Amino acid sequence: MQATGVELNPWLVMYSRLQSFKLRGTGCHGSADFVVRDLWKHDLGGYNHVVIFGVDSMMSALHSKLMREMTADCGVIACRFPLPCEPSRTVGEGLDTVWLYRHSDIMQHSTIPASPRDDVREQSQSQS
């Protein structure tokens, strides 16, 4: 299995690479790559599973991105904050809660903006 960590903050990417390097000899080292990249510009269509540690304010836009890019066999795990759709399963409580989504869960809700910029655009148009 191969994993890719996408993070905009280069310090967090370096930290993740260091932690991965510490796992050498365990069979896990080398199976994860960490890249400095903007999640909104990174295509998620090539992944079988997506795990997101996001913030509440990004989850609607992320849901829209997943609707556009994820494949039918992709699964999503959201940590800390849920996507704005009904999950297949919820595990844990409080800060340790994770939400598990199948493709069908993600596709059930389609009335959200296409990107974070659309939120701003719609608000400015309604104020005009």
C-alpha atoms as a PDB file:
ATOM      1  CA  MET A   1       0.000   0.000   0.000  1.00  0.00           C
ATOM      2  CA  GLN A   2       1.225   3.491  -0.867  1.00  0.00           C
ATOM      3  CA  ALA A   3       0.117   6.658   0.960  1.00  0.00           C
ATOM      4  CA  THR A   4       0.536  10.337   0.121  1.00  0.00           C
ATOM      5  CA  GLY A   5       0.289  13.075   2.735  1.00  0.00           C
ATOM      6  CA  VAL A   6      -0.687  16.455   1.304  1.00  0.00           C
ATOM      7  CA  GLU A   7       0.056  19.490   3.486  1.00  0.00           C
ATOM      8  CA  LEU A   8       0.613  23.157   2.698  1.00  0.00           C
ATOM      9  CA  ASN A   9       2.836  23.803   5.725  1.00  0.00           C
ATOM     10  CA  PRO A  10       6.435  22.735   4.897  1.00  0.00           C
ATOM     11  CA  TRP A  11       7.308  22.316   8.598  1.00  0.00           C
ATOM     12  CA  LEU A  12       4.532  19.769   9.056  1.00  0.00           C
ATOM     13  CA  VAL A  13       5.696  17.937   5.931  1.00  0.00           C
ATOM     14  CA  MET A  14       9.257  17.786   7.300  1.00  0.00           C
ATOM     15  CA  TYR A  15       7.927  16.542  10.648  1.00  0.00           C
ATOM     16  CA  SER A  16       5.886  13.835   8.889  1.00  0.00           C
ATOM     17  CA  ARG A  17       8.880  12.754   6.822  1.00  0.00           C
ATOM     18  CA  LEU A  18      11.003  12.539   9.976  1.00  0.00           C
ATOM     19  CA  GLN A  19       8.381  10.417  11.734  1.00  0.00           C
ATOM     20  CA  SER A  20       8.179   8.157   8.677  1.00  0.00           C
ATOM     21  CA  PHE A  21      11.966   7.835   8.622  1.00  0.00           C
ATOM     22  CA  LYS A  22      11.889   6.711  12.269  1.00  0.00           C
ATOM     23  CA  LEU A  23       9.679   3.797  11.160  1.00  0.00           C
ATOM     24  CA  ARG A  24      12.373   2.350   8.871  1.00  0.00           C
ATOM     25  CA  GLY A  25      12.828  -1.324   9.530  1.00  0.00           C
ATOM     26  CA  THR A  26       9.169  -1.766  10.489  1.00  0.00           C
ATOM     27  CA  GLY A  27       7.926  -2.341   6.955  1.00  0.00           C
ATOM     28  CA  CYS A  28       6.129   1.014   6.952  1.00  0.00           C
ATOM     29  CA  HIS A  29       9.023   3.252   5.928  1.00  0.00           C
ATOM     30  CA  GLY A  30       8.951   4.042   2.229  1.00  0.00           C
ATOM     31  CA  SER A  31       5.237   3.362   1.825  1.00  0.00           C
ATOM     32  CA  ALA A  32       4.305   6.960   2.638  1.00  0.00           C
ATOM     33  CA  ASP A  33       5.253  10.106   0.774  1.00  0.00           C
ATOM     34  CA  PHE A  34       4.632  13.620   2.093  1.00  0.00           C
ATOM     35  CA  VAL A  35       4.345  16.585  -0.252  1.00  0.00           C
ATOM     36  CA  VAL A  36       4.036  20.336   0.192  1.00  0.00           C
ATOM     37  CA  ARG A  37       0.979  21.031  -1.883  1.00  0.00           C
ATOM     38  CA  ASP A  38      -2.277  22.951  -1.806  1.00  0.00           C
ATOM     39  CA  LEU A  39      -5.058  20.435  -1.181  1.00  0.00           C
ATOM     40  CA  TRP A  40      -7.460  22.494  -3.314  1.00  0.00           C
ATOM     41  CA  LYS A  41      -5.141  22.147  -6.327  1.00  0.00           C
ATOM     42  CA  HIS A  42      -4.292  18.472  -5.715  1.00  0.00           C
ATOM     43  CA  ASP A  43      -6.405  15.929  -7.626  1.00  0.00           C
ATOM     44  CA  LEU A  44      -7.892  13.326  -5.282  1.00  0.00           C
ATOM     45  CA  GLY A  45      -9.182  11.157  -8.133  1.00  0.00           C
ATOM     46  CA  GLY A  46      -6.268   8.731  -8.047  1.00  0.00           C
ATOM     47  CA  TYR A  47      -6.769   7.581  -4.466  1.00  0.00           C
ATOM     48  CA  ASN A  48      -8.678   4.579  -3.120  1.00  0.00           C
ATOM     49  CA  HIS A  49      -8.954   6.117   0.345  1.00  0.00           C
ATOM     50  CA  VAL A  50      -8.808   9.685   1.626  1.00  0.00           C
ATOM     51  CA  VAL A  51      -8.160  10.547   5.276  1.00  0.00           C
ATOM     52  CA  ILE A  52      -8.681  14.189   6.157  1.00  0.00           C
ATOM     53  CA  PHE A  53      -7.688  16.088   9.285  1.00  0.00           C
ATOM     54  CA  GLY A  54      -9.482  19.286   8.381  1.00  0.00           C
ATOM     55  CA  VAL A  55     -11.099  22.239  10.073  1.00  0.00           C
ATOM     56  CA  ASP A  56     -14.837  22.822  10.282  1.00  0.00           C
ATOM     57  CA  SER A  57     -14.793  25.764   7.858  1.00  0.00           C
ATOM     58  CA  MET A  58     -13.325  23.665   5.009  1.00  0.00           C
ATOM     59  CA  MET A  59     -15.563  20.603   5.160  1.00  0.00           C
ATOM     60  CA  SER A  60     -18.324  21.853   2.815  1.00  0.00           C
ATOM     61  CA  ALA A  61     -15.814  22.825   0.142  1.00  0.00           C
ATOM     62  CA  LEU A  62     -13.962  19.526   0.632  1.00  0.00           C
ATOM     63  CA  HIS A  63     -17.236  17.650   0.209  1.00  0.00           C
ATOM     64  CA  SER A  64     -17.779  19.403  -3.113  1.00  0.00           C
ATOM     65  CA  LYS A  65     -14.210  18.585  -4.212  1.00  0.00           C
ATOM     66  CA  LEU A  66     -14.727  14.924  -3.306  1.00  0.00           C
ATOM     67  CA  MET A  67     -17.990  14.855  -5.267  1.00  0.00           C
ATOM     68  CA  ARG A  68     -16.116  16.065  -8.352  1.00  0.00           C
ATOM     69  CA  GLU A  69     -12.961  13.973  -8.025  1.00  0.00           C
ATOM     70  CA  MET A  70     -13.404  10.737  -6.072  1.00  0.00           C
ATOM     71  CA  THR A  71     -13.864   7.428  -7.840  1.00  0.00           C
ATOM     72  CA  ALA A  72     -16.757   5.057  -7.156  1.00  0.00           C
ATOM     73  CA  ASP A  73     -14.562   2.717  -5.072  1.00  0.00           C
ATOM     74  CA  CYS A  74     -13.034   5.466  -2.906  1.00  0.00           C
ATOM     75  CA  GLY A  75     -13.639   5.663   0.834  1.00  0.00           C
ATOM     76  CA  VAL A  76     -13.216   8.746   3.016  1.00  0.00           C
ATOM     77  CA  ILE A  77     -12.360   9.047   6.697  1.00  0.00           C
ATOM     78  CA  ALA A  78     -12.910  12.489   8.233  1.00  0.00           C
ATOM     79  CA  CYS A  79     -11.234  13.180  11.575  1.00  0.00           C
ATOM     80  CA  ARG A  80     -12.301  15.900  14.025  1.00  0.00           C
ATOM     81  CA  PHE A  81     -15.021  17.376  11.773  1.00  0.00           C
ATOM     82  CA  PRO A  82     -17.646  15.635   9.609  1.00  0.00           C
ATOM     83  CA  LEU A  83     -18.520  16.285   5.995  1.00  0.00           C
ATOM     84  CA  PRO A  84     -21.997  17.796   5.407  1.00  0.00           C
ATOM     85  CA  CYS A  85     -23.558  14.455   4.475  1.00  0.00           C
ATOM     86  CA  GLU A  86     -24.655  11.339   6.345  1.00  0.00           C
ATOM     87  CA  PRO A  87     -21.718   8.966   7.018  1.00  0.00           C
ATOM     88  CA  SER A  88     -21.877   5.190   6.718  1.00  0.00           C
ATOM     89  CA  ARG A  89     -20.456   4.929  10.196  1.00  0.00           C
ATOM     90  CA  THR A  90     -19.315   7.120  13.095  1.00  0.00           C
ATOM     91  CA  VAL A  91     -16.653   5.877  15.514  1.00  0.00           C
ATOM     92  CA  GLY A  92     -15.544   7.474  18.779  1.00  0.00           C
ATOM     93  CA  GLU A  93     -16.652  10.544  20.665  1.00  0.00           C
ATOM     94  CA  GLY A  94     -15.605  14.179  21.045  1.00  0.00           C
ATOM     95  CA  LEU A  95     -12.232  15.065  19.559  1.00  0.00           C
ATOM     96  CA  ASP A  96     -11.604  11.390  18.832  1.00  0.00           C
ATOM     97  CA  THR A  97     -14.634  11.040  16.543  1.00  0.00           C
ATOM     98  CA  VAL A  98     -14.082   9.829  12.983  1.00  0.00           C
ATOM     99  CA  TRP A  99     -16.692   9.634  10.245  1.00  0.00           C
ATOM    100  CA  LEU A 100     -16.525   6.954   7.559  1.00  0.00           C
ATOM    101  CA  TYR A 101     -18.002   7.662   4.133  1.00  0.00           C
ATOM    102  CA  ARG A 102     -18.562   5.594   1.012  1.00  0.00           C
ATOM    103  CA  HIS A 103     -18.883   7.082  -2.445  1.00  0.00           C
ATOM    104  CA  SER A 104     -22.687   6.854  -2.200  1.00  0.00           C
ATOM    105  CA  ASP A 105     -22.632   8.853   1.069  1.00  0.00           C
ATOM    106  CA  ILE A 106     -20.579  11.628  -0.506  1.00  0.00           C
ATOM    107  CA  MET A 107     -22.806  11.829  -3.600  1.00  0.00           C
ATOM    108  CA  GLN A 108     -26.095  12.090  -1.681  1.00  0.00           C
ATOM    109  CA  HIS A 109     -25.828  15.860  -1.155  1.00  0.00           C
ATOM    110  CA  SER A 110     -25.257  18.173  -4.093  1.00  0.00           C
ATOM    111  CA  THR A 111     -26.373  21.660  -3.066  1.00  0.00           C
ATOM    112  CA  ILE A 112     -23.048  22.971  -1.802  1.00  0.00           C
ATOM    113  CA  PRO A 113     -20.620  25.396  -3.478  1.00  0.00           C
ATOM    114  CA  ALA A 114     -18.086  24.000  -5.931  1.00  0.00           C
ATOM    115  CA  SER A 115     -15.114  25.632  -4.179  1.00  0.00           C
ATOM    116  CA  PRO A 116     -14.305  27.839  -1.180  1.00  0.00           C
ATOM    117  CA  ARG A 117     -14.189  30.848  -3.524  1.00  0.00           C
ATOM    118  CA  ASP A 118     -17.802  30.205  -4.584  1.00  0.00           C
ATOM    119  CA  ASP A 119     -18.931  30.867  -0.999  1.00  0.00           C
ATOM    120  CA  VAL A 120     -17.342  34.318  -1.144  1.00  0.00           C
ATOM    121  CA  ARG A 121     -18.627  34.981  -4.677  1.00  0.00           C
ATOM    122  CA  GLU A 122     -22.210  34.067  -3.732  1.00  0.00           C
ATOM    123  CA  GLN A 123     -22.091  36.229  -0.614  1.00  0.00           C
ATOM    124  CA  SER A 124     -20.766  39.284  -2.487  1.00  0.00           C
ATOM    125  CA  GLN A 125     -23.385  38.864  -5.258  1.00  0.00           C
ATOM    126  CA  SER A 126     -26.225  38.658  -2.721  1.00  0.00           C
ATOM    127  CA  GLN A 127     -24.999  41.846  -1.018  1.00  0.00           C
ATOM    128  CA  SER A 128     -24.946  43.761  -4.322  1.00  0.00           C
END
